[in-house]
């Protein structure tokens, strides 16, 4: 689990021992008519990535983590029929923008 706070105690002892992320992404290849602003979906692609990491907080920084899950990515799936693009995906903030606004020490 990835905590939303810095994983330390009051004594600055690290508490993070395990990270598990099961990520799922949908991406659309699309074209836009600049005059009408109509969007045409050309392809819908889905991919998943499972990441599992063990963390030994007793080890020095830079040597605490070990990848447990398979590092090979799962092959993406190209849909035969396109899915509609959710309206919220067309406007910021996007997921990548949010990652850039969060910094970790």
PDB file of N, CA and C in Angstrom:
ATOM      1  N   UNK A   1       0.839  -1.171   0.000  1.00  0.00           N
ATOM      2  CA  UNK A   1       0.000   0.000   0.000  1.00  0.00           C
ATOM      3  C   UNK A   1       0.886   1.236   0.000  1.00  0.00           C
ATOM      4  N   UNK A   2       0.499   2.246  -0.746  1.00  0.00           N
ATOM      5  CA  UNK A   2       1.248   3.498  -0.783  1.00  0.00           C
ATOM      6  C   UNK A   2       0.519   4.508   0.093  1.00  0.00           C
ATOM      7  N   UNK A   3       1.165   4.974   1.159  1.00  0.00           N
ATOM      8  CA  UNK A   3       0.496   5.909   2.059  1.00  0.00           C
ATOM      9  C   UNK A   3       0.452   7.307   1.459  1.00  0.00           C
ATOM     10  N   UNK A   4      -0.511   8.090   1.885  1.00  0.00           N
ATOM     11  CA  UNK A   4      -0.617   9.473   1.429  1.00  0.00           C
ATOM     12  C   UNK A   4       0.252  10.400   2.264  1.00  0.00           C
ATOM     13  N   UNK A   5       0.714   9.938   3.409  1.00  0.00           N
ATOM     14  CA  UNK A   5       1.613  10.769   4.201  1.00  0.00           C
ATOM     15  C   UNK A   5       3.018  10.191   4.117  1.00  0.00           C
ATOM     16  N   UNK A   6       3.969  10.937   4.597  1.00  0.00           N
ATOM     17  CA  UNK A   6       5.344  10.450   4.599  1.00  0.00           C
ATOM     18  C   UNK A   6       5.424   9.300   5.596  1.00  0.00           C
ATOM     19  N   UNK A   7       5.868   8.118   5.163  1.00  0.00           N
ATOM     20  CA  UNK A   7       5.824   6.928   6.030  1.00  0.00           C
ATOM     21  C   UNK A   7       6.916   6.903   7.091  1.00  0.00           C
ATOM     22  N   UNK A   8       6.823   7.823   8.033  1.00  0.00           N
ATOM     23  CA  UNK A   8       7.769   7.846   9.146  1.00  0.00           C
ATOM     24  C   UNK A   8       6.995   8.013  10.444  1.00  0.00           C
ATOM     25  N   UNK A   9       7.622   7.679  11.530  1.00  0.00           N
ATOM     26  CA  UNK A   9       7.016   7.901  12.845  1.00  0.00           C
ATOM     27  C   UNK A   9       7.551   9.219  13.391  1.00  0.00           C
ATOM     28  N   UNK A  10       7.159   9.547  14.605  1.00  0.00           N
ATOM     29  CA  UNK A  10       7.651  10.779  15.225  1.00  0.00           C
ATOM     30  C   UNK A  10       9.164  10.760  15.399  1.00  0.00           C
ATOM     31  N   UNK A  11       9.730   9.581  15.518  1.00  0.00           N
ATOM     32  CA  UNK A  11      11.179   9.457  15.701  1.00  0.00           C
ATOM     33  C   UNK A  11      11.915   9.363  14.365  1.00  0.00           C
ATOM     34  N   UNK A  12      11.227   9.640  13.269  1.00  0.00           N
ATOM     35  CA  UNK A  12      11.810   9.561  11.923  1.00  0.00           C
ATOM     36  C   UNK A  12      12.252   8.143  11.572  1.00  0.00           C
ATOM     37  N   UNK A  13      11.576   7.145  12.130  1.00  0.00           N
ATOM     38  CA  UNK A  13      11.835   5.751  11.784  1.00  0.00           C
ATOM     39  C   UNK A  13      10.886   5.389  10.641  1.00  0.00           C
ATOM     40  N   UNK A  14      11.402   4.921   9.510  1.00  0.00           N
ATOM     41  CA  UNK A  14      10.533   4.596   8.383  1.00  0.00           C
ATOM     42  C   UNK A  14       9.555   3.472   8.730  1.00  0.00           C
ATOM     43  N   UNK A  15       8.321   3.577   8.215  1.00  0.00           N
ATOM     44  CA  UNK A  15       7.299   2.570   8.478  1.00  0.00           C
ATOM     45  C   UNK A  15       6.873   1.815   7.222  1.00  0.00           C
ATOM     46  N   UNK A  16       7.219   2.309   6.063  1.00  0.00           N
ATOM     47  CA  UNK A  16       6.784   1.668   4.824  1.00  0.00           C
ATOM     48  C   UNK A  16       7.494   0.330   4.652  1.00  0.00           C
ATOM     49  N   UNK A  17       6.737  -0.758   4.496  1.00  0.00           N
ATOM     50  CA  UNK A  17       7.335  -2.087   4.352  1.00  0.00           C
ATOM     51  C   UNK A  17       6.903  -2.794   3.078  1.00  0.00           C
ATOM     52  N   UNK A  18       5.868  -2.287   2.410  1.00  0.00           N
ATOM     53  CA  UNK A  18       5.354  -2.993   1.241  1.00  0.00           C
ATOM     54  C   UNK A  18       4.610  -2.013   0.331  1.00  0.00           C
ATOM     55  N   UNK A  19       4.788  -2.176  -0.966  1.00  0.00           N
ATOM     56  CA  UNK A  19       4.053  -1.381  -1.957  1.00  0.00           C
ATOM     57  C   UNK A  19       3.390  -2.353  -2.922  1.00  0.00           C
ATOM     58  N   UNK A  20       2.106  -2.155  -3.141  1.00  0.00           N
ATOM     59  CA  UNK A  20       1.359  -2.982  -4.094  1.00  0.00           C
ATOM     60  C   UNK A  20       0.506  -2.046  -4.938  1.00  0.00           C
ATOM     61  N   UNK A  21       0.729  -2.051  -6.248  1.00  0.00           N
ATOM     62  CA  UNK A  21      -0.061  -1.220  -7.153  1.00  0.00           C
ATOM     63  C   UNK A  21      -0.549  -2.086  -8.299  1.00  0.00           C
ATOM     64  N   UNK A  22      -1.829  -2.031  -8.538  1.00  0.00           N
ATOM     65  CA  UNK A  22      -2.441  -2.724  -9.665  1.00  0.00           C
ATOM     66  C   UNK A  22      -3.050  -1.632 -10.527  1.00  0.00           C
ATOM     67  N   UNK A  23      -2.305  -1.198 -11.524  1.00  0.00           N
ATOM     68  CA  UNK A  23      -2.720  -0.059 -12.328  1.00  0.00           C
ATOM     69  C   UNK A  23      -3.384  -0.516 -13.619  1.00  0.00           C
ATOM     70  N   UNK A  24      -4.364   0.263 -14.031  1.00  0.00           N
ATOM     71  CA  UNK A  24      -5.134  -0.026 -15.234  1.00  0.00           C
ATOM     72  C   UNK A  24      -5.283   1.288 -15.996  1.00  0.00           C
ATOM     73  N   UNK A  25      -4.919   1.271 -17.270  1.00  0.00           N
ATOM     74  CA  UNK A  25      -4.968   2.487 -18.072  1.00  0.00           C
ATOM     75  C   UNK A  25      -5.791   2.260 -19.332  1.00  0.00           C
ATOM     76  N   UNK A  26      -6.557   3.249 -19.703  1.00  0.00           N
ATOM     77  CA  UNK A  26      -7.205   3.298 -21.007  1.00  0.00           C
ATOM     78  C   UNK A  26      -6.647   4.515 -21.727  1.00  0.00           C
ATOM     79  N   UNK A  27      -6.283   4.331 -22.991  1.00  0.00           N
ATOM     80  CA  UNK A  27      -5.740   5.422 -23.794  1.00  0.00           C
ATOM     81  C   UNK A  27      -6.475   5.431 -25.119  1.00  0.00           C
ATOM     82  N   UNK A  28      -6.751   6.616 -25.598  1.00  0.00           N
ATOM     83  CA  UNK A  28      -7.446   6.749 -26.868  1.00  0.00           C
ATOM     84  C   UNK A  28      -6.537   7.435 -27.873  1.00  0.00           C
ATOM     85  N   UNK A  29      -6.440   6.844 -29.066  1.00  0.00           N
ATOM     86  CA  UNK A  29      -5.814   7.506 -30.198  1.00  0.00           C
ATOM     87  C   UNK A  29      -6.963   8.188 -30.917  1.00  0.00           C
ATOM     88  N   UNK A  30      -6.915   9.501 -31.003  1.00  0.00           N
ATOM     89  CA  UNK A  30      -8.050  10.240 -31.542  1.00  0.00           C
ATOM     90  C   UNK A  30      -7.570  11.383 -32.428  1.00  0.00           C
ATOM     91  N   UNK A  31      -8.470  11.834 -33.277  1.00  0.00           N
ATOM     92  CA  UNK A  31      -8.222  12.995 -34.133  1.00  0.00           C
ATOM     93  C   UNK A  31      -9.337  14.002 -33.886  1.00  0.00           C
ATOM     94  N   UNK A  32      -8.993  15.291 -33.985  1.00  0.00           N
ATOM     95  CA  UNK A  32      -9.997  16.336 -33.775  1.00  0.00           C
ATOM     96  C   UNK A  32     -10.117  17.190 -35.028  1.00  0.00           C
ATOM     97  N   UNK A  33     -11.346  17.437 -35.448  1.00  0.00           N
ATOM     98  CA  UNK A  33     -11.619  18.383 -36.528  1.00  0.00           C
ATOM     99  C   UNK A  33     -11.495  19.774 -35.908  1.00  0.00           C
ATOM    100  N   UNK A  34     -10.501  20.543 -36.335  1.00  0.00           N
ATOM    101  CA  UNK A  34     -10.236  21.834 -35.705  1.00  0.00           C
ATOM    102  C   UNK A  34     -11.342  22.853 -35.929  1.00  0.00           C
ATOM    103  N   UNK A  35     -12.102  22.705 -37.004  1.00  0.00           N
ATOM    104  CA  UNK A  35     -13.196  23.651 -37.250  1.00  0.00           C
ATOM    105  C   UNK A  35     -14.420  23.327 -36.409  1.00  0.00           C
ATOM    106  N   UNK A  36     -14.836  22.060 -36.415  1.00  0.00           N
ATOM    107  CA  UNK A  36     -16.056  21.678 -35.689  1.00  0.00           C
ATOM    108  C   UNK A  36     -15.782  21.260 -34.245  1.00  0.00           C
ATOM    109  N   UNK A  37     -14.516  20.999 -33.929  1.00  0.00           N
ATOM    110  CA  UNK A  37     -14.097  20.491 -32.614  1.00  0.00           C
ATOM    111  C   UNK A  37     -14.609  19.071 -32.340  1.00  0.00           C
ATOM    112  N   UNK A  38     -15.100  18.384 -33.360  1.00  0.00           N
ATOM    113  CA  UNK A  38     -15.525  16.989 -33.210  1.00  0.00           C
ATOM    114  C   UNK A  38     -14.298  16.107 -33.012  1.00  0.00           C
ATOM    115  N   UNK A  39     -14.432  15.118 -32.139  1.00  0.00           N
ATOM    116  CA  UNK A  39     -13.342  14.181 -31.864  1.00  0.00           C
ATOM    117  C   UNK A  39     -13.716  12.826 -32.442  1.00  0.00           C
ATOM    118  N   UNK A  40     -12.785  12.249 -33.179  1.00  0.00           N
ATOM    119  CA  UNK A  40     -12.988  10.940 -33.798  1.00  0.00           C
ATOM    120  C   UNK A  40     -12.019   9.953 -33.162  1.00  0.00           C
ATOM    121  N   UNK A  41     -12.569   8.927 -32.543  1.00  0.00           N
ATOM    122  CA  UNK A  41     -11.738   7.919 -31.884  1.00  0.00           C
ATOM    123  C   UNK A  41     -11.257   6.929 -32.932  1.00  0.00           C
ATOM    124  N   UNK A  42      -9.948   6.784 -33.040  1.00  0.00           N
ATOM    125  CA  UNK A  42      -9.351   5.864 -34.001  1.00  0.00           C
ATOM    126  C   UNK A  42      -9.078   4.503 -33.364  1.00  0.00           C
ATOM    127  N   UNK A  43      -8.607   4.495 -32.134  1.00  0.00           N
ATOM    128  CA  UNK A  43      -8.315   3.255 -31.415  1.00  0.00           C
ATOM    129  C   UNK A  43      -8.471   3.486 -29.911  1.00  0.00           C
ATOM    130  N   UNK A  44      -8.893   2.425 -29.224  1.00  0.00           N
ATOM    131  CA  UNK A  44      -8.904   2.415 -27.763  1.00  0.00           C
ATOM    132  C   UNK A  44      -7.943   1.315 -27.323  1.00  0.00           C
ATOM    133  N   UNK A  45      -7.011   1.677 -26.470  1.00  0.00           N
ATOM    134  CA  UNK A  45      -5.987   0.736 -26.009  1.00  0.00           C
ATOM    135  C   UNK A  45      -6.053   0.664 -24.484  1.00  0.00           C
ATOM    136  N   UNK A  46      -5.945  -0.555 -23.973  1.00  0.00           N
ATOM    137  CA  UNK A  46      -5.953  -0.780 -22.531  1.00  0.00           C
ATOM    138  C   UNK A  46      -4.675  -1.515 -22.151  1.00  0.00           C
ATOM    139  N   UNK A  47      -4.101  -1.130 -21.023  1.00  0.00           N
ATOM    140  CA  UNK A  47      -3.021  -1.942 -20.480  1.00  0.00           C
ATOM    141  C   UNK A  47      -3.050  -1.902 -18.971  1.00  0.00           C
ATOM    142  N   UNK A  48      -2.446  -2.953 -18.422  1.00  0.00           N
ATOM    143  CA  UNK A  48      -2.422  -3.134 -16.973  1.00  0.00           C
ATOM    144  C   UNK A  48      -0.988  -3.365 -16.532  1.00  0.00           C
ATOM    145  N   UNK A  49      -0.700  -2.949 -15.332  1.00  0.00           N
ATOM    146  CA  UNK A  49       0.626  -3.185 -14.769  1.00  0.00           C
ATOM    147  C   UNK A  49       0.480  -3.430 -13.278  1.00  0.00           C
ATOM    148  N   UNK A  50       0.953  -4.569 -12.860  1.00  0.00           N
ATOM    149  CA  UNK A  50       0.977  -4.927 -11.448  1.00  0.00           C
ATOM    150  C   UNK A  50       2.398  -4.709 -10.945  1.00  0.00           C
ATOM    151  N   UNK A  51       2.521  -3.932  -9.890  1.00  0.00           N
ATOM    152  CA  UNK A  51       3.832  -3.667  -9.302  1.00  0.00           C
ATOM    153  C   UNK A  51       3.754  -4.002  -7.817  1.00  0.00           C
ATOM    154  N   UNK A  52       4.669  -4.865  -7.385  1.00  0.00           N
ATOM    155  CA  UNK A  52       4.742  -5.208  -5.971  1.00  0.00           C
ATOM    156  C   UNK A  52       6.201  -5.095  -5.534  1.00  0.00           C
ATOM    157  N   UNK A  53       6.421  -4.346  -4.475  1.00  0.00           N
ATOM    158  CA  UNK A  53       7.767  -4.069  -3.985  1.00  0.00           C
ATOM    159  C   UNK A  53       7.799  -4.307  -2.482  1.00  0.00           C
ATOM    160  N   UNK A  54       8.809  -5.032  -2.022  1.00  0.00           N
ATOM    161  CA  UNK A  54       9.005  -5.155  -0.575  1.00  0.00           C
ATOM    162  C   UNK A  54      10.022  -4.092  -0.161  1.00  0.00           C
ATOM    163  N   UNK A  55       9.836  -3.571   1.029  1.00  0.00           N
ATOM    164  CA  UNK A  55      10.713  -2.516   1.533  1.00  0.00           C
ATOM    165  C   UNK A  55      11.219  -2.931   2.908  1.00  0.00           C
ATOM    166  N   UNK A  56      12.532  -2.907   3.073  1.00  0.00           N
ATOM    167  CA  UNK A  56      13.147  -3.189   4.373  1.00  0.00           C
ATOM    168  C   UNK A  56      13.616  -1.853   4.949  1.00  0.00           C
ATOM    169  N   UNK A  57      12.840  -1.266   5.862  1.00  0.00           N
ATOM    170  CA  UNK A  57      13.184   0.062   6.372  1.00  0.00           C
ATOM    171  C   UNK A  57      14.475   0.104   7.178  1.00  0.00           C
ATOM    172  N   UNK A  58      15.019  -1.056   7.534  1.00  0.00           N
ATOM    173  CA  UNK A  58      16.254  -1.093   8.318  1.00  0.00           C
ATOM    174  C   UNK A  58      17.495  -0.912   7.442  1.00  0.00           C
ATOM    175  N   UNK A  59      17.335  -1.113   6.139  1.00  0.00           N
ATOM    176  CA  UNK A  59      18.479  -0.957   5.239  1.00  0.00           C
ATOM    177  C   UNK A  59      18.671   0.517   4.897  1.00  0.00           C
ATOM    178  N   UNK A  60      19.836   0.859   4.371  1.00  0.00           N
ATOM    179  CA  UNK A  60      20.110   2.253   4.042  1.00  0.00           C
ATOM    180  C   UNK A  60      19.302   2.680   2.819  1.00  0.00           C
ATOM    181  N   UNK A  61      19.053   3.966   2.727  1.00  0.00           N
ATOM    182  CA  UNK A  61      18.308   4.507   1.593  1.00  0.00           C
ATOM    183  C   UNK A  61      19.007   4.133   0.297  1.00  0.00           C
ATOM    184  N   UNK A  62      18.212   3.817  -0.704  1.00  0.00           N
ATOM    185  CA  UNK A  62      18.761   3.390  -1.984  1.00  0.00           C
ATOM    186  C   UNK A  62      18.910   1.883  -2.077  1.00  0.00           C
ATOM    187  N   UNK A  63      18.818   1.188  -0.944  1.00  0.00           N
ATOM    188  CA  UNK A  63      18.949  -0.272  -0.914  1.00  0.00           C
ATOM    189  C   UNK A  63      17.793  -0.943  -0.169  1.00  0.00           C
ATOM    190  N   UNK A  64      16.768  -0.176   0.151  1.00  0.00           N
ATOM    191  CA  UNK A  64      15.662  -0.698   0.962  1.00  0.00           C
ATOM    192  C   UNK A  64      14.653  -1.522   0.183  1.00  0.00           C
ATOM    193  N   UNK A  65      14.498  -1.254  -1.097  1.00  0.00           N
ATOM    194  CA  UNK A  65      13.394  -1.874  -1.832  1.00  0.00           C
ATOM    195  C   UNK A  65      13.854  -2.999  -2.749  1.00  0.00           C
ATOM    196  N   UNK A  66      12.924  -3.935  -2.983  1.00  0.00           N
ATOM    197  CA  UNK A  66      13.185  -5.064  -3.870  1.00  0.00           C
ATOM    198  C   UNK A  66      11.898  -5.356  -4.643  1.00  0.00           C
ATOM    199  N   UNK A  67      12.015  -5.418  -5.962  1.00  0.00           N
ATOM    200  CA  UNK A  67      10.868  -5.720  -6.809  1.00  0.00           C
ATOM    201  C   UNK A  67      10.493  -7.188  -6.651  1.00  0.00           C
ATOM    202  N   UNK A  68       9.232  -7.442  -6.320  1.00  0.00           N
ATOM    203  CA  UNK A  68       8.737  -8.808  -6.155  1.00  0.00           C
ATOM    204  C   UNK A  68       8.005  -9.269  -7.408  1.00  0.00           C
ATOM    205  N   UNK A  69       7.236  -8.371  -8.002  1.00  0.00           N
ATOM    206  CA  UNK A  69       6.412  -8.734  -9.162  1.00  0.00           C
ATOM    207  C   UNK A  69       7.260  -8.920 -10.416  1.00  0.00           C
ATOM    208  N   UNK A  70       6.669  -9.520 -11.420  1.00  0.00           N
ATOM    209  CA  UNK A  70       7.321  -9.741 -12.703  1.00  0.00           C
ATOM    210  C   UNK A  70       7.576  -8.385 -13.367  1.00  0.00           C
ATOM    211  N   UNK A  71       8.822  -8.076 -13.722  1.00  0.00           N
ATOM    212  CA  UNK A  71       9.101  -6.773 -14.327  1.00  0.00           C
ATOM    213  C   UNK A  71       8.619  -6.649 -15.774  1.00  0.00           C
ATOM    214  N   UNK A  72       8.276  -7.767 -16.408  1.00  0.00           N
ATOM    215  CA  UNK A  72       7.811  -7.723 -17.794  1.00  0.00           C
ATOM    216  C   UNK A  72       6.390  -7.168 -17.854  1.00  0.00           C
ATOM    217  N   UNK A  73       6.171  -6.158 -18.692  1.00  0.00           N
ATOM    218  CA  UNK A  73       4.820  -5.607 -18.780  1.00  0.00           C
ATOM    219  C   UNK A  73       3.877  -6.548 -19.526  1.00  0.00           C
ATOM    220  N   UNK A  74       2.607  -6.499 -19.132  1.00  0.00           N
ATOM    221  CA  UNK A  74       1.575  -7.241 -19.845  1.00  0.00           C
ATOM    222  C   UNK A  74       1.352  -6.542 -21.190  1.00  0.00           C
ATOM    223  N   UNK A  75       1.117  -7.306 -22.237  1.00  0.00           N
ATOM    224  CA  UNK A  75       0.901  -6.710 -23.551  1.00  0.00           C
ATOM    225  C   UNK A  75      -0.400  -5.913 -23.563  1.00  0.00           C
ATOM    226  N   UNK A  76      -0.395  -4.742 -24.202  1.00  0.00           N
ATOM    227  CA  UNK A  76      -1.623  -3.948 -24.260  1.00  0.00           C
ATOM    228  C   UNK A  76      -2.692  -4.634 -25.101  1.00  0.00           C
ATOM    229  N   UNK A  77      -3.945  -4.286 -24.823  1.00  0.00           N
ATOM    230  CA  UNK A  77      -5.080  -4.806 -25.570  1.00  0.00           C
ATOM    231  C   UNK A  77      -5.629  -3.683 -26.435  1.00  0.00           C
ATOM    232  N   UNK A  78      -5.736  -3.931 -27.726  1.00  0.00           N
ATOM    233  CA  UNK A  78      -6.361  -2.971 -28.635  1.00  0.00           C
ATOM    234  C   UNK A  78      -7.788  -3.436 -28.857  1.00  0.00           C
ATOM    235  N   UNK A  79      -8.740  -2.609 -28.479  1.00  0.00           N
ATOM    236  CA  UNK A  79     -10.147  -2.984 -28.564  1.00  0.00           C
ATOM    237  C   UNK A  79     -10.612  -3.059 -30.015  1.00  0.00           C
ATOM    238  N   UNK A  80     -11.461  -4.048 -30.305  1.00  0.00           N
ATOM    239  CA  UNK A  80     -12.083  -4.143 -31.628  1.00  0.00           C
ATOM    240  C   UNK A  80     -13.110  -3.030 -31.816  1.00  0.00           C
ATOM    241  N   UNK A  81     -13.829  -2.715 -30.735  1.00  0.00           N
ATOM    242  CA  UNK A  81     -14.796  -1.619 -30.760  1.00  0.00           C
ATOM    243  C   UNK A  81     -14.324  -0.558 -29.775  1.00  0.00           C
ATOM    244  N   UNK A  82     -14.260   0.675 -30.238  1.00  0.00           N
ATOM    245  CA  UNK A  82     -13.756   1.759 -29.399  1.00  0.00           C
ATOM    246  C   UNK A  82     -14.728   2.115 -28.288  1.00  0.00           C
ATOM    247  N   UNK A  83     -14.164   2.482 -27.156  1.00  0.00           N
ATOM    248  CA  UNK A  83     -14.954   2.984 -26.036  1.00  0.00           C
ATOM    249  C   UNK A  83     -15.043   4.504 -26.151  1.00  0.00           C
ATOM    250  N   UNK A  84     -16.128   5.087 -25.668  1.00  0.00           N
ATOM    251  CA  UNK A  84     -16.204   6.555 -25.688  1.00  0.00           C
ATOM    252  C   UNK A  84     -15.201   7.158 -24.706  1.00  0.00           C
ATOM    253  N   UNK A  85     -14.726   8.338 -25.033  1.00  0.00           N
ATOM    254  CA  UNK A  85     -13.807   9.045 -24.139  1.00  0.00           C
ATOM    255  C   UNK A  85     -14.647   9.775 -23.092  1.00  0.00           C
ATOM    256  N   UNK A  86     -14.415   9.521 -21.803  1.00  0.00           N
ATOM    257  CA  UNK A  86     -15.155  10.266 -20.782  1.00  0.00           C
ATOM    258  C   UNK A  86     -14.825  11.760 -20.878  1.00  0.00           C
ATOM    259  N   UNK A  87     -15.815  12.584 -20.706  1.00  0.00           N
ATOM    260  CA  UNK A  87     -15.617  14.029 -20.804  1.00  0.00           C
ATOM    261  C   UNK A  87     -14.523  14.509 -19.860  1.00  0.00           C
ATOM    262  N   UNK A  88     -14.458  13.932 -18.668  1.00  0.00           N
ATOM    263  CA  UNK A  88     -13.456  14.368 -17.684  1.00  0.00           C
ATOM    264  C   UNK A  88     -12.026  14.112 -18.168  1.00  0.00           C
ATOM    265  N   UNK A  89     -11.841  13.186 -19.109  1.00  0.00           N
ATOM    266  CA  UNK A  89     -10.499  12.887 -19.617  1.00  0.00           C
ATOM    267  C   UNK A  89     -10.014  13.942 -20.611  1.00  0.00           C
ATOM    268  N   UNK A  90     -10.908  14.794 -21.063  1.00  0.00           N
ATOM    269  CA  UNK A  90     -10.549  15.799 -22.062  1.00  0.00           C
ATOM    270  C   UNK A  90     -10.048  17.108 -21.454  1.00  0.00           C
ATOM    271  N   UNK A  91     -10.180  17.256 -20.139  1.00  0.00           N
ATOM    272  CA  UNK A  91      -9.820  18.511 -19.488  1.00  0.00           C
ATOM    273  C   UNK A  91      -8.900  18.251 -18.296  1.00  0.00           C
ATOM    274  N   UNK A  92      -8.002  19.205 -18.003  1.00  0.00           N
ATOM    275  CA  UNK A  92      -7.151  19.034 -16.832  1.00  0.00           C
ATOM    276  C   UNK A  92      -7.971  19.120 -15.554  1.00  0.00           C
ATOM    277  N   UNK A  93      -7.480  18.638 -14.420  1.00  0.00           N
ATOM    278  CA  UNK A  93      -6.152  18.045 -14.296  1.00  0.00           C
ATOM    279  C   UNK A  93      -6.151  16.592 -14.749  1.00  0.00           C
ATOM    280  N   UNK A  94      -5.093  16.208 -15.396  1.00  0.00           N
ATOM    281  CA  UNK A  94      -4.921  14.825 -15.827  1.00  0.00           C
ATOM    282  C   UNK A  94      -4.087  14.084 -14.795  1.00  0.00           C
ATOM    283  N   UNK A  95      -4.051  12.764 -14.907  1.00  0.00           N
ATOM    284  CA  UNK A  95      -3.263  11.957 -13.974  1.00  0.00           C
ATOM    285  C   UNK A  95      -1.799  12.338 -13.984  1.00  0.00           C
ATOM    286  N   UNK A  96      -1.231  12.563 -15.164  1.00  0.00           N
ATOM    287  CA  UNK A  96       0.184  12.915 -15.235  1.00  0.00           C
ATOM    288  C   UNK A  96       0.446  14.265 -14.589  1.00  0.00           C
ATOM    289  N   UNK A  97      -0.481  15.206 -14.751  1.00  0.00           N
ATOM    290  CA  UNK A  97      -0.333  16.508 -14.116  1.00  0.00           C
ATOM    291  C   UNK A  97      -0.318  16.351 -12.598  1.00  0.00           C
ATOM    292  N   UNK A  98      -1.191  15.496 -12.085  1.00  0.00           N
ATOM    293  CA  UNK A  98      -1.260  15.306 -10.642  1.00  0.00           C
ATOM    294  C   UNK A  98       0.022  14.680 -10.102  1.00  0.00           C
ATOM    295  N   UNK A  99       0.606  13.744 -10.857  1.00  0.00           N
ATOM    296  CA  UNK A  99       1.868  13.157 -10.409  1.00  0.00           C
ATOM    297  C   UNK A  99       2.951  14.226 -10.315  1.00  0.00           C
ATOM    298  N   UNK A 100       2.939  15.181 -11.225  1.00  0.00           N
ATOM    299  CA  UNK A 100       3.988  16.195 -11.223  1.00  0.00           C
ATOM    300  C   UNK A 100       3.818  17.202 -10.093  1.00  0.00           C
ATOM    301  N   UNK A 101       2.605  17.284  -9.510  1.00  0.00           N
ATOM    302  CA  UNK A 101       2.400  18.245  -8.432  1.00  0.00           C
ATOM    303  C   UNK A 101       2.672  17.654  -7.055  1.00  0.00           C
ATOM    304  N   UNK A 102       2.854  16.348  -6.972  1.00  0.00           N
ATOM    305  CA  UNK A 102       3.130  15.698  -5.692  1.00  0.00           C
ATOM    306  C   UNK A 102       4.620  15.397  -5.626  1.00  0.00           C
ATOM    307  N   UNK A 103       5.272  15.839  -4.584  1.00  0.00           N
ATOM    308  CA  UNK A 103       6.696  15.522  -4.437  1.00  0.00           C
ATOM    309  C   UNK A 103       6.894  14.757  -3.138  1.00  0.00           C
ATOM    310  N   UNK A 104       7.812  13.823  -3.172  1.00  0.00           N
ATOM    311  CA  UNK A 104       8.117  13.001  -2.008  1.00  0.00           C
ATOM    312  C   UNK A 104       9.548  13.257  -1.582  1.00  0.00           C
ATOM    313  N   UNK A 105       9.777  13.239  -0.293  1.00  0.00           N
ATOM    314  CA  UNK A 105      11.134  13.438   0.238  1.00  0.00           C
ATOM    315  C   UNK A 105      11.848  12.115   0.337  1.00  0.00           C
TER     316      UNK A 105
END
